[in-house]
Amino acid sequence: MTQEITIGDLGSRKQGLLKDQVRLVKRKDCDRYEIARIQDNLSFEKGFFVVIRACQLLTQKNEGIVLVGLAGPSGAGKTSFSEKILNFMPNVAVISMDNYNDGSRVIDDNFDDPRLTDYDTLLKNIRDLKEGKSVEVPIYDFKSSSRTGYRTLEVPGSRIVIIEGIYALSEKLRPLLDLRVSVTGGVHFDLVKRVLRDIQRVGQEPEEIIYQISETVYPMYKAFIEPDLKTAHIRIVNKFNPFTGFQSPTYILKSSRNLTVDQVKSVMSDEHTQTLEETYDIYLLPPGEDPETCQSYLRMRNREGRYSLMFEEWVTDSPFVISPRITFEVSVRLLGGLMALGYTIASILKRSSHVFSDEKVCVKIDWLEQISRHYVQVQGRDRVSVRCVAEQLGLEGSYTPRTYVELMQLEKLVNEVMVLPDELKTKLSIDDEKLSSPKETLSLAATRNNFLKRCYLLYLCAF
């Protein structure tokens, strides 16, 4: 039998409280305690709370160093999580497995190969810390892919040592760990975070980074990292959005009202420019996302033969659509790499635009080939200027707070409804005025689409 200890007074224990899910169990292979696995995935904030409580319990029951393994794919937020723990508990020691990379073992620029880790030095450092000795931790330089020196690490006053890295829950380390924690996120945001990190840390080009991820990082994750993460006591799903802190988003007001070129020119400054553009946007659905509710497509744009990859997330503050966006210029070969990561093509939008731009705003008269409609967009970095120009154009009261991909989805849903018998059309009619946000639109679309299928089957059965 295992001995079990819970946080708080057992007599007053309340079922379901997060703190009561943290329990210690006696290990079978040694005279130490570890954390009983928590069944549910936890958010970043809840996971932080639980890990702190788990560390406190472990230091109460276990002698010597308490070793925590923190693993997850590249870009999932392991370092951010470690830093958050350090801010709360400054006496904790964090050892990054990246510093144990051996650049001489790199093959085909695959820096996620498990054979790259110098486990001999890492395991010796861990054993010495457990014996109360100070250790020399390697310092690894990512730009030169080489070890540049060492730093001395003393046994921390808290007795808590966190081993952080993609292979921190590997079979070689698991027997030494008192607590195993995994941090994962969606492939979509893991990808953009990895790109932004490596641009700053390694100095690589975005396309080179993404291609490397599709060719080596993701296959390594599926083959070697993901199986290890299933052994975690605490599993954290990081919903951190890299766009949250993105500055200077674009404010967009959109309308289906017809405008002439002269009407647009009348509200623009004398220095405005005019261009004609033809754009193809390939909307890529992230792995595991529902196409009817997804609001974080990856967009690959082709304009005049040049491709760009656009990470963006749409936020609605009716009547505005707000678009934080990060854009990288890439080549078309990247599409294959993204498909290998599990992205699928959700839609391709061809748009012909007459564009009017000055120093404050950009006005576009767009023709969408897929739905055979004109739309007007007024966009810019200053919300007040965008609204002012839109009002001068007489667009007030006609705004559509939806992105083009959402309008295409809605058009598809309407077309599906229109082929049904008349008695079902009224039940499934779409009241455009009541749909004030993209989220509401897609949520209702998903609900009605499922209802549509059920009703249609019932209708067929009736005959």
Protein backbone atom coordinates (compact mmCIF):
# COMPACT_ATOMS: atom_id res chain seq x y z
CA MET A 1 0.00 0.00 0.00
CA THR A 2 1.11 3.58 -0.61
CA GLN A 3 1.09 6.17 2.12
CA GLU A 4 -0.81 9.28 1.09
CA ILE A 5 -0.67 12.81 2.49
CA THR A 6 -3.00 15.61 1.45
CA ILE A 7 -2.74 19.34 1.84
CA GLY A 8 -4.84 20.80 4.63
CA ASP A 9 -6.93 19.22 7.31
CA LEU A 10 -8.27 15.86 6.17
CA GLY A 11 -11.30 16.30 8.37
CA SER A 12 -12.37 19.41 6.52
CA ARG A 13 -11.33 18.28 3.07
CA LYS A 14 -13.62 19.52 0.30
CA GLN A 15 -13.91 17.39 -2.79
CA GLY A 16 -12.94 19.16 -5.96
CA LEU A 17 -10.71 21.91 -4.59
CA LEU A 18 -7.56 22.33 -6.62
CA LYS A 19 -5.30 22.25 -3.57
CA ASP A 20 -6.81 18.90 -2.54
CA GLN A 21 -5.72 17.31 -5.81
CA VAL A 22 -2.06 17.58 -4.77
CA ARG A 23 -1.17 14.37 -2.92
CA LEU A 24 2.06 12.68 -1.95
CA VAL A 25 2.58 8.96 -2.46
CA LYS A 26 5.44 6.78 -1.23
CA ARG A 27 7.69 5.58 -4.05
CA LYS A 28 8.13 1.83 -4.44
CA ASP A 29 11.77 1.97 -5.50
CA CYS A 30 13.14 4.10 -2.65
CA ASP A 31 12.34 5.75 0.67
CA ARG A 32 11.06 9.00 -0.87
CA TYR A 33 7.77 10.59 -1.77
CA GLU A 34 6.54 11.84 -5.13
CA ILE A 35 3.37 13.57 -6.33
CA ALA A 36 0.38 11.45 -7.30
CA ARG A 37 -0.58 12.16 -10.89
CA ILE A 38 -3.27 14.81 -11.38
CA GLN A 39 -5.69 13.57 -14.02
CA ASP A 40 -6.86 16.87 -15.52
CA ASN A 41 -4.75 19.20 -17.65
CA LEU A 42 -4.13 22.51 -15.89
CA SER A 43 -3.85 26.06 -17.18
CA PHE A 44 -0.57 27.95 -16.89
CA GLU A 45 -1.74 29.83 -13.76
CA LYS A 46 -3.34 26.82 -12.06
CA GLY A 47 -0.33 24.71 -12.94
CA PHE A 48 1.95 27.27 -11.32
CA PHE A 49 -0.10 27.15 -8.10
CA VAL A 50 -0.09 23.35 -8.04
CA VAL A 51 3.65 23.05 -8.73
CA ILE A 52 4.44 25.47 -5.90
CA ARG A 53 2.24 23.50 -3.47
CA ALA A 54 3.77 20.22 -4.66
CA CYS A 55 7.31 21.54 -4.08
CA GLN A 56 6.39 22.69 -0.58
CA LEU A 57 5.00 19.25 0.27
CA LEU A 58 7.98 17.43 -1.17
CA THR A 59 10.50 19.48 0.80
CA GLN A 60 8.55 18.69 3.97
CA LYS A 61 8.73 14.92 3.46
CA ASN A 62 11.94 14.30 1.48
CA GLU A 63 15.50 14.77 2.69
CA GLY A 64 18.10 16.53 0.56
CA ILE A 65 17.52 17.93 -2.90
CA VAL A 66 14.03 17.85 -4.36
CA LEU A 67 14.46 17.39 -8.10
CA VAL A 68 11.76 18.69 -10.48
CA GLY A 69 11.74 17.81 -14.18
CA LEU A 70 10.06 20.40 -16.42
CA ALA A 71 9.68 19.25 -20.04
CA GLY A 72 7.79 20.19 -23.17
CA PRO A 73 8.24 21.01 -26.84
CA SER A 74 10.30 23.97 -28.04
CA GLY A 75 8.44 27.23 -27.55
CA ALA A 76 5.79 25.82 -25.20
CA GLY A 77 6.70 28.15 -22.32
CA LYS A 78 9.05 26.11 -20.12
CA THR A 79 11.45 29.00 -19.56
CA SER A 80 8.61 31.42 -18.79
CA PHE A 81 7.22 28.93 -16.27
CA SER A 82 10.63 28.51 -14.61
CA GLU A 83 11.05 32.29 -14.40
CA LYS A 84 7.63 32.62 -12.79
CA ILE A 85 8.63 30.08 -10.13
CA LEU A 86 11.94 31.91 -9.57
CA ASN A 87 10.11 35.20 -9.06
CA PHE A 88 7.97 33.55 -6.40
CA MET A 89 10.71 31.40 -4.85
CA PRO A 90 14.09 33.10 -5.53
CA ASN A 91 16.05 30.36 -3.73
CA VAL A 92 15.12 27.73 -6.32
CA ALA A 93 17.88 26.60 -8.72
CA VAL A 94 17.08 26.13 -12.41
CA ILE A 95 19.31 24.09 -14.70
CA SER A 96 18.59 24.37 -18.42
CA MET A 97 19.34 21.22 -20.39
CA ASP A 98 20.22 23.46 -23.36
CA ASN A 99 23.51 24.18 -21.62
CA TYR A 100 24.40 20.49 -21.82
CA ASN A 101 24.24 20.46 -25.61
CA ASP A 102 27.32 19.04 -27.28
CA GLY A 103 27.76 20.91 -30.56
CA SER A 104 30.19 18.28 -31.87
CA ARG A 105 27.31 15.78 -32.03
CA VAL A 106 25.01 17.87 -34.26
CA ILE A 107 23.99 16.13 -37.48
CA ASP A 108 22.15 17.96 -40.29
CA ASP A 109 21.48 20.98 -38.04
CA ASN A 110 19.15 18.87 -35.88
CA PHE A 111 19.47 20.55 -32.48
CA ASP A 112 16.52 18.57 -31.07
CA ASP A 113 18.19 15.18 -31.45
CA PRO A 114 18.28 13.49 -28.01
CA ARG A 115 21.83 12.29 -28.72
CA LEU A 116 22.98 15.90 -28.57
CA THR A 117 22.65 16.03 -24.75
CA ASP A 118 25.78 15.46 -22.68
CA TYR A 119 24.08 13.23 -20.10
CA ASP A 120 27.37 12.24 -18.46
CA THR A 121 28.00 15.81 -17.26
CA LEU A 122 24.34 16.43 -16.44
CA LEU A 123 23.96 13.27 -14.33
CA LYS A 124 27.24 13.96 -12.52
CA ASN A 125 26.04 17.47 -11.66
CA ILE A 126 22.75 16.09 -10.35
CA ARG A 127 24.47 13.44 -8.21
CA ASP A 128 26.86 16.03 -6.75
CA LEU A 129 23.99 18.37 -5.87
CA LYS A 130 22.20 15.50 -4.16
CA GLU A 131 25.37 14.96 -2.11
CA GLY A 132 25.39 18.62 -1.10
CA LYS A 133 28.29 19.64 -3.36
CA SER A 134 28.51 22.72 -5.58
CA VAL A 135 28.74 21.97 -9.31
CA GLU A 136 30.11 23.53 -12.51
CA VAL A 137 27.25 23.98 -14.98
CA PRO A 138 28.26 24.37 -18.65
CA ILE A 139 27.50 27.59 -20.55
CA TYR A 140 26.35 26.98 -24.13
CA ASP A 141 26.38 29.62 -26.89
CA PHE A 142 23.62 29.07 -29.46
CA LYS A 143 25.12 31.26 -32.17
CA SER A 144 28.43 29.40 -32.22
CA SER A 145 26.88 26.03 -31.17
CA SER A 146 29.65 25.51 -28.64
CA ARG A 147 30.37 25.37 -24.91
CA THR A 148 31.99 28.65 -23.87
CA GLY A 149 32.64 28.08 -20.14
CA TYR A 150 31.11 27.08 -16.82
CA ARG A 151 29.25 28.69 -13.94
CA THR A 152 29.28 27.55 -10.32
CA LEU A 153 25.97 26.45 -8.86
CA GLU A 154 25.65 26.01 -5.11
CA VAL A 155 23.04 23.81 -3.45
CA PRO A 156 20.01 26.17 -3.21
CA GLY A 157 18.65 27.16 0.18
CA SER A 158 15.18 25.96 -0.85
CA ARG A 159 16.64 22.50 -1.72
CA ILE A 160 14.57 22.66 -4.94
CA VAL A 161 16.36 22.12 -8.26
CA ILE A 162 14.43 22.36 -11.53
CA ILE A 163 15.80 20.59 -14.59
CA GLU A 164 14.23 22.34 -17.59
CA GLY A 165 14.42 21.10 -21.17
CA ILE A 166 12.70 19.19 -23.94
CA TYR A 167 14.09 15.89 -22.59
CA ALA A 168 13.80 16.66 -18.87
CA LEU A 169 11.41 13.70 -18.44
CA SER A 170 13.57 11.27 -20.39
CA GLU A 171 14.11 7.73 -19.22
CA LYS A 172 17.63 8.60 -18.02
CA LEU A 173 16.34 11.32 -15.68
CA ARG A 174 12.96 9.99 -14.52
CA PRO A 175 14.29 7.73 -11.71
CA LEU A 176 15.94 10.79 -10.12
CA LEU A 177 12.90 13.08 -10.25
CA ASP A 178 10.55 13.73 -7.34
CA LEU A 179 8.16 15.75 -9.49
CA ARG A 180 7.55 15.52 -13.24
CA VAL A 181 5.88 18.47 -14.99
CA SER A 182 5.01 18.89 -18.67
CA VAL A 183 4.20 22.19 -20.39
CA THR A 184 2.60 22.06 -23.82
CA GLY A 185 0.62 24.41 -26.04
CA GLY A 186 -1.07 24.32 -29.40
CA VAL A 187 1.23 23.72 -32.36
CA HIS A 188 0.12 27.08 -33.78
CA PHE A 189 1.35 29.26 -30.94
CA ASP A 190 4.31 27.02 -30.16
CA LEU A 191 5.40 27.67 -33.74
CA VAL A 192 5.23 31.47 -33.61
CA LYS A 193 6.89 31.57 -30.17
CA ARG A 194 9.73 29.37 -31.42
CA VAL A 195 10.19 31.59 -34.48
CA LEU A 196 10.29 34.80 -32.44
CA ARG A 197 12.67 33.25 -29.90
CA ASP A 198 15.14 31.92 -32.47
CA ILE A 199 15.20 35.18 -34.43
CA GLN A 200 16.38 36.90 -31.28
CA ARG A 201 18.57 34.13 -29.84
CA VAL A 202 20.16 32.53 -32.88
CA GLY A 203 19.75 35.20 -35.54
CA GLN A 204 18.14 32.84 -38.06
CA GLU A 205 15.73 33.90 -40.79
CA PRO A 206 12.03 33.10 -40.09
CA GLU A 207 11.70 30.77 -43.07
CA GLU A 208 14.83 28.87 -42.05
CA ILE A 209 13.44 28.43 -38.53
CA ILE A 210 10.02 27.22 -39.68
CA TYR A 211 11.54 24.85 -42.22
CA GLN A 212 13.80 23.43 -39.51
CA ILE A 213 10.80 22.95 -37.23
CA SER A 214 8.89 21.01 -39.88
CA GLU A 215 11.91 18.91 -40.88
CA THR A 216 13.49 18.11 -37.49
CA VAL A 217 11.84 19.70 -34.44
CA TYR A 218 8.33 18.34 -34.94
CA PRO A 219 9.42 14.80 -35.93
CA MET A 220 11.74 14.71 -32.89
CA TYR A 221 8.87 15.87 -30.69
CA LYS A 222 6.50 13.16 -31.94
CA ALA A 223 9.11 10.39 -31.73
CA PHE A 224 10.97 11.17 -28.50
CA ILE A 225 9.44 14.00 -26.46
CA GLU A 226 5.70 13.34 -26.57
CA PRO A 227 5.98 9.80 -25.09
CA ASP A 228 8.02 11.19 -22.15
CA LEU A 229 5.42 13.88 -21.44
CA LYS A 230 2.79 11.21 -20.78
CA THR A 231 4.68 10.27 -17.61
CA ALA A 232 4.21 13.73 -16.02
CA HIS A 233 2.58 14.07 -12.59
CA ILE A 234 1.31 17.55 -13.53
CA ARG A 235 0.38 18.44 -17.10
CA ILE A 236 0.07 22.10 -18.01
CA VAL A 237 -1.46 23.37 -21.24
CA ASN A 238 -0.09 26.84 -21.89
CA LYS A 239 -2.68 29.03 -23.57
CA PHE A 240 -0.32 32.01 -23.57
CA ASN A 241 -0.98 34.06 -26.69
CA PRO A 242 2.12 35.64 -28.22
CA PHE A 243 -0.08 38.37 -29.71
CA THR A 244 -1.23 39.60 -26.29
CA GLY A 245 1.70 41.96 -25.98
CA PHE A 246 1.88 42.82 -29.66
CA GLN A 247 1.90 46.59 -30.08
CA SER A 248 0.20 48.82 -32.68
CA PRO A 249 -2.52 46.51 -33.99
CA THR A 250 -4.51 47.39 -37.11
CA TYR A 251 -8.07 48.68 -36.57
CA ILE A 252 -10.48 47.69 -39.33
CA LEU A 253 -14.01 48.83 -40.16
CA LYS A 254 -15.66 46.79 -42.89
CA SER A 255 -18.86 47.35 -44.84
CA SER A 256 -20.68 45.77 -47.80
CA ARG A 257 -21.95 49.20 -48.88
CA ASN A 258 -21.10 50.11 -52.49
CA LEU A 259 -18.75 53.08 -52.91
CA THR A 260 -17.37 54.74 -56.00
CA VAL A 261 -13.71 55.65 -56.53
CA ASP A 262 -14.62 59.35 -56.42
CA GLN A 263 -16.34 58.93 -53.05
CA VAL A 264 -13.20 57.38 -51.57
CA LYS A 265 -10.87 59.96 -53.12
CA SER A 266 -12.97 62.77 -51.64
CA VAL A 267 -12.07 61.79 -48.05
CA MET A 268 -8.38 61.07 -48.65
CA SER A 269 -5.60 63.62 -48.33
CA ASP A 270 -4.10 65.23 -51.46
CA GLU A 271 -0.95 63.11 -50.97
CA HIS A 272 -2.78 59.79 -51.11
CA THR A 273 -1.64 56.99 -53.43
CA GLN A 274 -3.69 54.53 -55.46
CA THR A 275 -2.79 50.96 -56.40
CA LEU A 276 -4.48 47.90 -57.82
CA GLU A 277 -3.71 44.62 -56.06
CA GLU A 278 -4.52 40.97 -56.62
CA THR A 279 -4.05 38.82 -53.55
CA TYR A 280 -4.37 35.11 -52.88
CA ASP A 281 -4.72 34.20 -49.20
CA ILE A 282 -4.31 30.55 -48.18
CA TYR A 283 -5.90 30.03 -44.76
CA LEU A 284 -4.24 27.16 -42.91
CA LEU A 285 -6.11 25.43 -40.11
CA PRO A 286 -3.88 24.60 -37.10
CA PRO A 287 -3.72 20.93 -36.06
CA GLY A 288 -6.64 19.88 -33.87
CA GLU A 289 -8.69 23.05 -34.49
CA ASP A 290 -12.37 22.99 -35.44
CA PRO A 291 -12.77 24.80 -38.79
CA GLU A 292 -16.17 26.15 -37.70
CA THR A 293 -14.87 27.86 -34.56
CA CYS A 294 -11.19 28.54 -35.30
CA GLN A 295 -10.14 32.18 -34.89
CA SER A 296 -6.39 31.77 -35.22
CA TYR A 297 -5.71 30.67 -38.77
CA LEU A 298 -2.22 30.82 -40.18
CA ARG A 299 -2.36 32.81 -43.39
CA MET A 300 0.02 32.38 -46.34
CA ARG A 301 -0.30 35.28 -48.76
CA ASN A 302 0.74 35.47 -52.39
CA ARG A 303 0.93 38.95 -53.86
CA GLU A 304 2.81 39.68 -57.09
CA GLY A 305 4.61 36.34 -56.82
CA ARG A 306 5.97 37.03 -53.33
CA TYR A 307 4.86 34.93 -50.38
CA SER A 308 4.49 36.00 -46.78
CA LEU A 309 3.43 34.07 -43.70
CA MET A 310 1.09 35.91 -41.37
CA PHE A 311 0.58 34.94 -37.74
CA GLU A 312 -2.48 36.81 -36.56
CA GLU A 313 -5.43 36.65 -34.22
CA TRP A 314 -8.61 38.62 -34.69
CA VAL A 315 -10.22 40.45 -31.84
CA THR A 316 -13.65 42.04 -32.14
CA ASP A 317 -14.55 45.29 -30.42
CA SER A 318 -17.73 45.96 -32.34
CA PRO A 319 -17.86 47.48 -34.87
CA PHE A 320 -14.07 47.14 -35.18
CA VAL A 321 -12.10 44.07 -36.13
CA ILE A 322 -8.68 44.43 -34.48
CA SER A 323 -5.80 42.50 -36.01
CA PRO A 324 -2.53 42.01 -34.15
CA ARG A 325 -0.24 40.54 -36.77
CA ILE A 326 3.31 39.30 -37.21
CA THR A 327 4.42 38.82 -40.83
CA PHE A 328 7.46 37.05 -42.31
CA GLU A 329 8.49 36.85 -45.96
CA VAL A 330 8.92 33.21 -47.03
CA SER A 331 9.09 31.01 -50.12
CA VAL A 332 6.36 28.73 -51.41
CA ARG A 333 8.30 25.59 -50.33
CA LEU A 334 7.32 26.38 -46.75
CA LEU A 335 3.74 25.31 -47.43
CA GLY A 336 4.87 21.67 -47.60
CA GLY A 337 6.65 22.00 -44.26
CA LEU A 338 3.54 23.43 -42.63
CA MET A 339 1.42 20.61 -44.03
CA ALA A 340 3.93 18.18 -42.48
CA LEU A 341 3.31 19.88 -39.13
CA GLY A 342 -0.38 19.00 -39.41
CA TYR A 343 -1.78 22.22 -40.88
CA THR A 344 -4.51 21.78 -43.48
CA ILE A 345 -5.78 24.21 -46.11
CA ALA A 346 -9.14 25.48 -44.88
CA SER A 347 -9.81 27.99 -47.64
CA ILE A 348 -8.20 29.96 -50.45
CA LEU A 349 -9.44 33.50 -50.96
CA LYS A 350 -8.79 35.49 -54.14
CA ARG A 351 -9.23 39.22 -53.66
CA SER A 352 -8.95 42.07 -56.17
CA SER A 353 -8.49 45.43 -54.47
CA HIS A 354 -8.42 49.12 -55.36
CA VAL A 355 -6.28 50.57 -52.57
CA PHE A 356 -6.17 54.21 -51.45
CA SER A 357 -3.54 55.12 -48.85
CA ASP A 358 -2.33 58.21 -47.05
CA GLU A 359 -0.37 58.81 -43.84
CA LYS A 360 -3.37 58.05 -41.59
CA VAL A 361 -5.58 55.40 -43.14
CA CYS A 362 -5.90 52.89 -45.94
CA VAL A 363 -9.22 52.39 -47.75
CA LYS A 364 -9.71 49.27 -49.86
CA ILE A 365 -12.51 48.42 -52.24
CA ASP A 366 -12.29 44.63 -52.35
CA TRP A 367 -13.91 42.16 -54.71
CA LEU A 368 -14.06 38.65 -53.23
CA GLU A 369 -14.22 36.12 -56.03
CA GLN A 370 -15.44 33.19 -53.88
CA ILE A 371 -18.61 34.93 -52.73
CA SER A 372 -18.94 37.42 -55.63
CA ARG A 373 -19.29 40.49 -53.42
CA HIS A 374 -17.74 43.88 -52.89
CA TYR A 375 -16.58 45.07 -49.46
CA VAL A 376 -15.01 48.30 -48.30
CA GLN A 377 -12.31 48.27 -45.63
CA VAL A 378 -11.08 51.29 -43.73
CA GLN A 379 -7.99 50.39 -41.74
CA GLY A 380 -5.18 52.03 -39.82
CA ARG A 381 -3.21 52.11 -36.58
CA ASP A 382 -5.30 54.92 -35.04
CA ARG A 383 -8.85 53.96 -34.07
CA VAL A 384 -10.19 57.54 -34.11
CA SER A 385 -8.85 58.26 -37.61
CA VAL A 386 -10.31 55.02 -38.97
CA ARG A 387 -13.76 55.77 -37.52
CA CYS A 388 -13.67 59.37 -38.76
CA VAL A 389 -12.91 58.36 -42.37
CA ALA A 390 -15.52 55.59 -42.28
CA GLU A 391 -18.17 58.06 -41.12
CA GLN A 392 -17.20 60.52 -43.86
CA LEU A 393 -17.72 57.69 -46.35
CA GLY A 394 -21.22 57.16 -44.96
CA LEU A 395 -20.53 53.66 -43.66
CA GLU A 396 -22.03 54.22 -40.21
CA GLY A 397 -24.69 51.59 -39.47
CA SER A 398 -23.46 49.15 -42.11
CA TYR A 399 -20.38 47.71 -40.43
CA THR A 400 -19.66 43.99 -40.58
CA PRO A 401 -17.39 43.00 -37.64
CA ARG A 402 -16.17 39.83 -39.33
CA THR A 403 -13.08 38.69 -41.15
CA TYR A 404 -13.28 37.54 -44.75
CA VAL A 405 -12.76 33.89 -43.87
CA GLU A 406 -15.70 34.13 -41.44
CA LEU A 407 -17.86 35.76 -44.12
CA MET A 408 -17.02 32.88 -46.44
CA GLN A 409 -17.98 30.36 -43.75
CA LEU A 410 -21.24 32.19 -43.13
CA GLU A 411 -22.00 32.30 -46.85
CA LYS A 412 -21.45 28.56 -47.04
CA LEU A 413 -23.83 27.99 -44.13
CA VAL A 414 -26.51 30.18 -45.72
CA ASN A 415 -26.19 28.25 -48.99
CA GLU A 416 -26.64 24.97 -47.11
CA VAL A 417 -29.77 26.31 -45.45
CA MET A 418 -31.23 27.53 -48.73
CA VAL A 419 -31.26 24.04 -50.27
CA LEU A 420 -33.51 22.74 -47.48
CA PRO A 421 -37.31 22.56 -47.68
CA ASP A 422 -39.15 25.81 -46.87
CA GLU A 423 -40.41 24.67 -43.45
CA LEU A 424 -36.82 24.13 -42.30
CA LYS A 425 -35.48 27.38 -43.76
CA THR A 426 -37.50 29.44 -41.30
CA LYS A 427 -36.20 27.42 -38.36
CA LEU A 428 -32.61 27.89 -39.49
CA SER A 429 -32.83 31.47 -40.79
CA ILE A 430 -29.85 33.64 -39.90
CA ASP A 431 -30.61 37.05 -38.40
CA ASP A 432 -27.55 39.08 -39.41
CA GLU A 433 -28.29 41.94 -37.02
CA LYS A 434 -28.05 39.71 -33.96
CA LEU A 435 -24.56 38.47 -34.78
CA SER A 436 -22.33 41.16 -33.30
CA SER A 437 -19.02 39.30 -33.17
CA PRO A 438 -17.06 36.66 -35.09
CA LYS A 439 -17.14 34.41 -32.05
CA GLU A 440 -20.94 34.57 -31.89
CA THR A 441 -21.18 34.03 -35.63
CA LEU A 442 -19.05 30.91 -35.65
CA SER A 443 -20.54 29.53 -32.46
CA LEU A 444 -24.04 29.90 -33.90
CA ALA A 445 -22.83 28.59 -37.24
CA ALA A 446 -21.46 25.46 -35.60
CA THR A 447 -24.66 24.94 -33.61
CA ARG A 448 -26.91 25.47 -36.59
CA ASN A 449 -24.78 23.37 -38.86
CA ASN A 450 -25.15 20.41 -36.50
CA PHE A 451 -28.85 21.16 -36.11
CA LEU A 452 -29.14 21.39 -39.89
CA LYS A 453 -27.72 17.90 -40.33
CA ARG A 454 -30.05 16.44 -37.69
CA CYS A 455 -33.12 18.21 -39.11
CA TYR A 456 -32.31 17.14 -42.65
CA LEU A 457 -32.01 13.49 -41.58
CA LEU A 458 -35.34 13.73 -39.75
CA TYR A 459 -36.90 15.31 -42.83
CA LEU A 460 -35.67 12.49 -45.05
CA CYS A 461 -36.93 9.89 -42.56
CA ALA A 462 -40.38 11.49 -42.66
CA PHE A 463 -40.66 10.52 -46.31
